[in-house]
Amino acid sequence: MLEVNIEGDNDFSICRPSGEIDAYSVDDFRQALNSLATVSKLLIDLSGVPFMDSAGLGALIGSIRKAGENNGEIVVSCGRESLLQLLKTTGFDQIVTVTESTSEALVALGKTEEQ
C-alpha cells in the first residue's frame, strides 16, 4: 500500500511517498503530485519507495511538465540503487536533478534542513 506524505507550503514542499509505486498505486501518487503543481520548489524524496514501474515514472514526468508550466523547480532524491539505475537508464536524470540524499537535494534547491 502506498502512502504519500506532503509537508511544506506553496514556496517549498517535500513529497515523501512510502511503498511501491506501480500501476495499482500510481493514481494516489499522481494525485499528490498534481496537488503540488504550483509549488515553487519541490523535493520528491523516493527513499521510502522500494519499487517503481513505468507508471510511476510517467507520473514523475507529468509533474515535471506541470512544474515547468508554472516556473517551478523539482529535485528528486533517491538513495536506492535500483531506482537510481531506473532514473538514469531512462534519461530521467537528464530532465531533472536527481540526488542520492535529501541533504543533496535541499542544497540543489537552495535550502538548508533548518529552513
Protein backbone atom coordinates (compact mmCIF):
# COMPACT_ATOMS: atom_id res chain seq x y z
CA MET A 1 0.00 0.00 0.00
CA LEU A 2 1.30 3.43 -0.95
CA GLU A 3 1.23 6.36 1.44
CA VAL A 4 2.18 9.85 0.34
CA ASN A 5 3.18 12.42 2.95
CA ILE A 6 3.41 16.07 2.00
CA GLU A 7 4.90 18.83 4.09
CA GLY A 8 5.61 22.46 3.38
CA ASP A 9 3.84 25.33 1.67
CA ASN A 10 3.44 26.87 -1.78
CA ASP A 11 7.06 28.12 -1.79
CA PHE A 12 8.74 24.85 -0.79
CA SER A 13 7.28 21.39 -0.24
CA ILE A 14 8.53 17.86 0.24
CA CYS A 15 6.63 14.89 -1.14
CA ARG A 16 7.54 11.57 0.52
CA PRO A 17 5.85 8.52 -0.95
CA SER A 18 6.26 5.31 1.00
CA GLY A 19 5.58 1.95 -0.62
CA GLU A 20 5.62 0.59 -4.15
CA ILE A 21 4.61 2.90 -6.99
CA ASP A 22 3.11 0.78 -9.73
CA ALA A 23 0.03 0.60 -11.94
CA TYR A 24 -2.12 -0.21 -8.90
CA SER A 25 -0.98 2.65 -6.68
CA VAL A 26 0.09 5.33 -9.17
CA ASP A 27 -3.21 7.22 -9.01
CA ASP A 28 -2.57 8.23 -5.37
CA PHE A 29 0.95 9.34 -6.27
CA ARG A 30 -0.23 11.25 -9.33
CA GLN A 31 -2.97 12.97 -7.31
CA ALA A 32 -0.45 14.05 -4.67
CA LEU A 33 1.91 15.41 -7.33
CA ASN A 34 -0.95 17.24 -9.07
CA SER A 35 -1.79 18.97 -5.77
CA LEU A 36 1.80 20.30 -5.76
CA ALA A 37 1.79 21.65 -9.32
CA THR A 38 2.03 25.29 -8.21
CA VAL A 39 4.79 24.83 -5.62
CA SER A 40 7.86 26.95 -6.42
CA LYS A 41 10.37 24.35 -5.20
CA LEU A 42 9.51 20.69 -4.72
CA LEU A 43 11.61 17.87 -3.32
CA ILE A 44 10.35 14.39 -4.15
CA ASP A 45 12.00 12.01 -1.69
CA LEU A 46 11.85 8.44 -3.00
CA SER A 47 13.84 6.91 -0.12
CA GLY A 48 10.71 5.07 1.09
CA VAL A 49 9.95 3.57 -2.34
CA PRO A 50 11.35 0.05 -2.81
CA PHE A 51 9.95 -0.34 -6.34
CA MET A 52 8.64 1.91 -9.11
CA ASP A 53 7.48 0.87 -12.57
CA SER A 54 6.86 2.86 -15.75
CA ALA A 55 3.54 4.15 -14.40
CA GLY A 56 5.37 5.84 -11.52
CA LEU A 57 7.98 7.22 -13.89
CA GLY A 58 5.18 8.61 -16.05
CA ALA A 59 3.65 10.34 -13.02
CA LEU A 60 7.02 11.91 -12.21
CA ILE A 61 7.46 13.16 -15.78
CA GLY A 62 3.95 14.60 -15.76
CA SER A 63 4.68 16.50 -12.54
CA ILE A 64 7.86 17.94 -14.03
CA ARG A 65 5.95 19.15 -17.07
CA LYS A 66 3.34 20.84 -14.87
CA ALA A 67 6.00 22.38 -12.64
CA GLY A 68 7.74 23.77 -15.71
CA GLU A 69 4.49 25.34 -16.89
CA ASN A 70 4.29 27.10 -13.50
CA ASN A 71 8.02 28.01 -13.37
CA GLY A 72 8.54 25.54 -10.55
CA GLU A 73 11.66 23.55 -9.76
CA ILE A 74 11.73 19.86 -8.84
CA VAL A 75 14.57 17.80 -7.43
CA VAL A 76 14.23 14.05 -6.88
CA SER A 77 16.10 12.39 -4.03
CA CYS A 78 16.67 8.66 -4.34
CA GLY A 79 19.16 6.64 -2.34
CA ARG A 80 18.08 3.22 -3.63
CA GLU A 81 20.48 1.91 -6.26
CA SER A 82 17.75 0.11 -8.23
CA LEU A 83 15.67 3.28 -8.56
CA LEU A 84 18.71 5.39 -9.35
CA GLN A 85 19.52 2.99 -12.18
CA LEU A 86 15.95 3.26 -13.48
CA LEU A 87 16.11 7.06 -13.44
CA LYS A 88 19.49 7.09 -15.19
CA THR A 89 18.72 4.37 -17.74
CA THR A 90 15.54 6.14 -18.85
CA GLY A 91 17.28 9.51 -19.07
CA PHE A 92 15.09 10.97 -16.34
CA ASP A 93 18.18 12.45 -14.69
CA GLN A 94 18.73 14.49 -17.86
CA ILE A 95 15.47 16.43 -17.42
CA VAL A 96 15.52 16.98 -13.66
CA THR A 97 18.15 16.95 -10.92
CA VAL A 98 18.41 13.57 -9.19
CA THR A 99 20.41 13.29 -5.98
CA GLU A 100 21.31 10.36 -3.75
CA SER A 101 20.28 12.06 -0.49
CA THR A 102 17.74 14.56 0.76
CA SER A 103 20.52 16.83 2.02
CA GLU A 104 21.99 16.99 -1.51
CA ALA A 105 18.51 17.70 -2.88
CA LEU A 106 17.99 20.52 -0.38
CA VAL A 107 21.29 22.08 -1.47
CA ALA A 108 20.24 21.78 -5.12
CA LEU A 109 17.05 23.67 -4.26
CA GLY A 110 18.96 26.32 -2.32
CA LYS A 111 17.57 25.17 1.03
CA THR A 112 19.05 24.02 4.29
CA GLU A 113 17.49 21.46 6.60
CA GLU A 114 16.58 24.19 9.08
CA GLN A 115 14.53 26.18 6.53
